[in-house]
Amino acid sequence: MADYIDLFDDSNWQMAPEYTSQARKKVLHDEGGLKIILLKLHAGFNLAPHSHLMSEQHVILKGEYEGEGQVFPEGSYRSFKAHQKHGPFKSKDGALILVIWGT
């Protein structure tokens, strides 16, 4: 990984089909059991409830999403323990989220 990545430029984005066919991600770090991505949700985003083998954290940088029936606006922080079910997630107008997974 590079030592410097501009979070807001148009480079290094890739498709994120594990979310939806239109979601995009920018991988910031992926080694040693720690993965950090910038996730761009498209308008109309919808993801079913799910869980992970490791903990997950969200920092909503732009926009908002709805999770578990509650709206989380820009500036929100959320944390989920390993195996904790979370979602469904929806975003009416799209969002930019920093997602961190770790053990």
C-alpha atoms as a PDB file:
ATOM      1  CA  MET A   1       0.000   0.000   0.000  1.00  0.00           C
ATOM      2  CA  ALA A   2       1.042   3.568  -0.588  1.00  0.00           C
ATOM      3  CA  ASP A   3       2.000   5.807   2.320  1.00  0.00           C
ATOM      4  CA  TYR A   4      -0.314   8.527   1.042  1.00  0.00           C
ATOM      5  CA  ILE A   5      -3.750   8.186  -0.521  1.00  0.00           C
ATOM      6  CA  ASP A   6      -6.032  11.108  -1.329  1.00  0.00           C
ATOM      7  CA  LEU A   7      -9.443  10.009  -0.065  1.00  0.00           C
ATOM      8  CA  PHE A   8     -11.363  12.414  -2.264  1.00  0.00           C
ATOM      9  CA  ASP A   9      -9.633  12.145  -5.645  1.00  0.00           C
ATOM     10  CA  ASP A  10     -10.940   9.960  -8.470  1.00  0.00           C
ATOM     11  CA  SER A  11      -8.032   7.486  -8.537  1.00  0.00           C
ATOM     12  CA  ASN A  12      -7.832   3.950  -7.124  1.00  0.00           C
ATOM     13  CA  TRP A  13     -11.596   3.334  -7.019  1.00  0.00           C
ATOM     14  CA  GLN A  14     -12.751  -0.168  -7.907  1.00  0.00           C
ATOM     15  CA  MET A  15     -16.046  -1.963  -8.132  1.00  0.00           C
ATOM     16  CA  ALA A  16     -17.356  -3.429  -4.857  1.00  0.00           C
ATOM     17  CA  PRO A  17     -19.672  -6.251  -5.989  1.00  0.00           C
ATOM     18  CA  GLU A  18     -19.742  -7.690  -2.452  1.00  0.00           C
ATOM     19  CA  TYR A  19     -22.018  -4.718  -1.646  1.00  0.00           C
ATOM     20  CA  THR A  20     -23.928  -4.103  -4.896  1.00  0.00           C
ATOM     21  CA  SER A  21     -23.118  -3.882  -8.572  1.00  0.00           C
ATOM     22  CA  GLN A  22     -22.886  -0.081  -8.351  1.00  0.00           C
ATOM     23  CA  ALA A  23     -20.975   0.370  -5.068  1.00  0.00           C
ATOM     24  CA  ARG A  24     -17.316   1.390  -5.310  1.00  0.00           C
ATOM     25  CA  LYS A  25     -14.422   1.049  -2.881  1.00  0.00           C
ATOM     26  CA  LYS A  26     -10.943   2.440  -2.399  1.00  0.00           C
ATOM     27  CA  VAL A  27      -8.720   0.041  -0.419  1.00  0.00           C
ATOM     28  CA  LEU A  28      -6.579   2.003   2.042  1.00  0.00           C
ATOM     29  CA  HIS A  29      -5.045  -0.873   4.031  1.00  0.00           C
ATOM     30  CA  ASP A  30      -5.285  -4.671   3.873  1.00  0.00           C
ATOM     31  CA  GLU A  31      -2.754  -6.642   5.889  1.00  0.00           C
ATOM     32  CA  GLY A  32      -2.155  -8.209   9.279  1.00  0.00           C
ATOM     33  CA  GLY A  33      -5.840  -8.796  10.029  1.00  0.00           C
ATOM     34  CA  LEU A  34      -6.742  -5.129   9.507  1.00  0.00           C
ATOM     35  CA  LYS A  35      -8.674  -3.946   6.452  1.00  0.00           C
ATOM     36  CA  ILE A  36      -9.672  -0.330   5.835  1.00  0.00           C
ATOM     37  CA  ILE A  37     -11.668   0.856   2.843  1.00  0.00           C
ATOM     38  CA  LEU A  38     -13.434   3.955   1.689  1.00  0.00           C
ATOM     39  CA  LEU A  39     -16.881   2.852   0.483  1.00  0.00           C
ATOM     40  CA  LYS A  40     -18.976   4.921  -1.915  1.00  0.00           C
ATOM     41  CA  LEU A  41     -22.679   4.057  -1.753  1.00  0.00           C
ATOM     42  CA  HIS A  42     -24.806   4.980  -4.740  1.00  0.00           C
ATOM     43  CA  ALA A  43     -28.223   6.613  -4.490  1.00  0.00           C
ATOM     44  CA  GLY A  44     -30.781   3.911  -3.775  1.00  0.00           C
ATOM     45  CA  PHE A  45     -28.227   1.621  -2.081  1.00  0.00           C
ATOM     46  CA  ASN A  46     -29.751  -1.360  -0.277  1.00  0.00           C
ATOM     47  CA  LEU A  47     -27.924  -4.199   1.548  1.00  0.00           C
ATOM     48  CA  ALA A  48     -29.452  -7.101   3.477  1.00  0.00           C
ATOM     49  CA  PRO A  49     -28.606  -7.809   7.146  1.00  0.00           C
ATOM     50  CA  HIS A  50     -25.348  -9.710   7.623  1.00  0.00           C
ATOM     51  CA  SER A  51     -22.461 -10.355  10.031  1.00  0.00           C
ATOM     52  CA  HIS A  52     -18.678 -10.796   9.803  1.00  0.00           C
ATOM     53  CA  LEU A  53     -16.026 -12.947  11.435  1.00  0.00           C
ATOM     54  CA  MET A  54     -14.317  -9.810  12.743  1.00  0.00           C
ATOM     55  CA  SER A  55     -15.346  -6.463  14.201  1.00  0.00           C
ATOM     56  CA  GLU A  56     -16.429  -3.654  11.876  1.00  0.00           C
ATOM     57  CA  GLN A  57     -16.504   0.126  12.304  1.00  0.00           C
ATOM     58  CA  HIS A  58     -18.139   2.820  10.164  1.00  0.00           C
ATOM     59  CA  VAL A  59     -17.357   6.535   9.981  1.00  0.00           C
ATOM     60  CA  ILE A  60     -19.827   8.358   7.747  1.00  0.00           C
ATOM     61  CA  LEU A  61     -17.847  11.082   5.966  1.00  0.00           C
ATOM     62  CA  LYS A  62     -20.508  12.341   3.538  1.00  0.00           C
ATOM     63  CA  GLY A  63     -24.209  11.722   3.142  1.00  0.00           C
ATOM     64  CA  GLU A  64     -26.163   9.346   5.341  1.00  0.00           C
ATOM     65  CA  TYR A  65     -27.492   5.827   5.539  1.00  0.00           C
ATOM     66  CA  GLU A  66     -30.277   4.047   7.344  1.00  0.00           C
ATOM     67  CA  GLY A  67     -29.416   0.990   9.416  1.00  0.00           C
ATOM     68  CA  GLU A  68     -31.700  -1.019  11.677  1.00  0.00           C
ATOM     69  CA  GLY A  69     -34.445   1.542  11.019  1.00  0.00           C
ATOM     70  CA  GLN A  70     -32.404   4.552  12.231  1.00  0.00           C
ATOM     71  CA  VAL A  71     -30.807   7.267  10.066  1.00  0.00           C
ATOM     72  CA  PHE A  72     -27.076   7.890  10.607  1.00  0.00           C
ATOM     73  CA  PRO A  73     -25.940  11.238   9.170  1.00  0.00           C
ATOM     74  CA  GLU A  74     -22.557  12.588   8.175  1.00  0.00           C
ATOM     75  CA  GLY A  75     -20.207  12.518  11.169  1.00  0.00           C
ATOM     76  CA  SER A  76     -21.704   9.353  12.694  1.00  0.00           C
ATOM     77  CA  TYR A  77     -19.530   6.557  14.073  1.00  0.00           C
ATOM     78  CA  ARG A  78     -20.770   2.976  14.463  1.00  0.00           C
ATOM     79  CA  SER A  79     -19.129  -0.173  15.799  1.00  0.00           C
ATOM     80  CA  PHE A  80     -20.150  -3.824  15.434  1.00  0.00           C
ATOM     81  CA  LYS A  81     -18.615  -6.783  17.257  1.00  0.00           C
ATOM     82  CA  ALA A  82     -17.524  -9.933  15.420  1.00  0.00           C
ATOM     83  CA  HIS A  83     -20.557 -12.098  14.514  1.00  0.00           C
ATOM     84  CA  GLN A  84     -22.973  -9.250  15.396  1.00  0.00           C
ATOM     85  CA  LYS A  85     -25.759  -9.059  12.812  1.00  0.00           C
ATOM     86  CA  HIS A  86     -26.200  -5.554  11.373  1.00  0.00           C
ATOM     87  CA  GLY A  87     -28.368  -4.033   8.701  1.00  0.00           C
ATOM     88  CA  PRO A  88     -30.324  -3.838   6.563  1.00  0.00           C
ATOM     89  CA  PHE A  89     -28.649  -0.731   5.173  1.00  0.00           C
ATOM     90  CA  LYS A  90     -30.212   1.796   2.805  1.00  0.00           C
ATOM     91  CA  SER A  91     -29.049   5.125   1.419  1.00  0.00           C
ATOM     92  CA  LYS A  92     -31.524   7.276  -0.442  1.00  0.00           C
ATOM     93  CA  ASP A  93     -28.979   9.763  -1.843  1.00  0.00           C
ATOM     94  CA  GLY A  94     -25.694   7.838  -1.412  1.00  0.00           C
ATOM     95  CA  ALA A  95     -22.878   8.150   1.124  1.00  0.00           C
ATOM     96  CA  LEU A  96     -19.125   7.984   1.599  1.00  0.00           C
ATOM     97  CA  ILE A  97     -18.116   5.718   4.478  1.00  0.00           C
ATOM     98  CA  LEU A  98     -14.780   4.767   6.026  1.00  0.00           C
ATOM     99  CA  VAL A  99     -15.081   1.053   6.892  1.00  0.00           C
ATOM    100  CA  ILE A 100     -12.593  -0.677   9.216  1.00  0.00           C
ATOM    101  CA  TRP A 101     -12.460  -4.427   9.909  1.00  0.00           C
ATOM    102  CA  GLY A 102     -10.204  -6.010  12.496  1.00  0.00           C
ATOM    103  CA  THR A 103     -10.056  -8.892  14.909  1.00  0.00           C
END
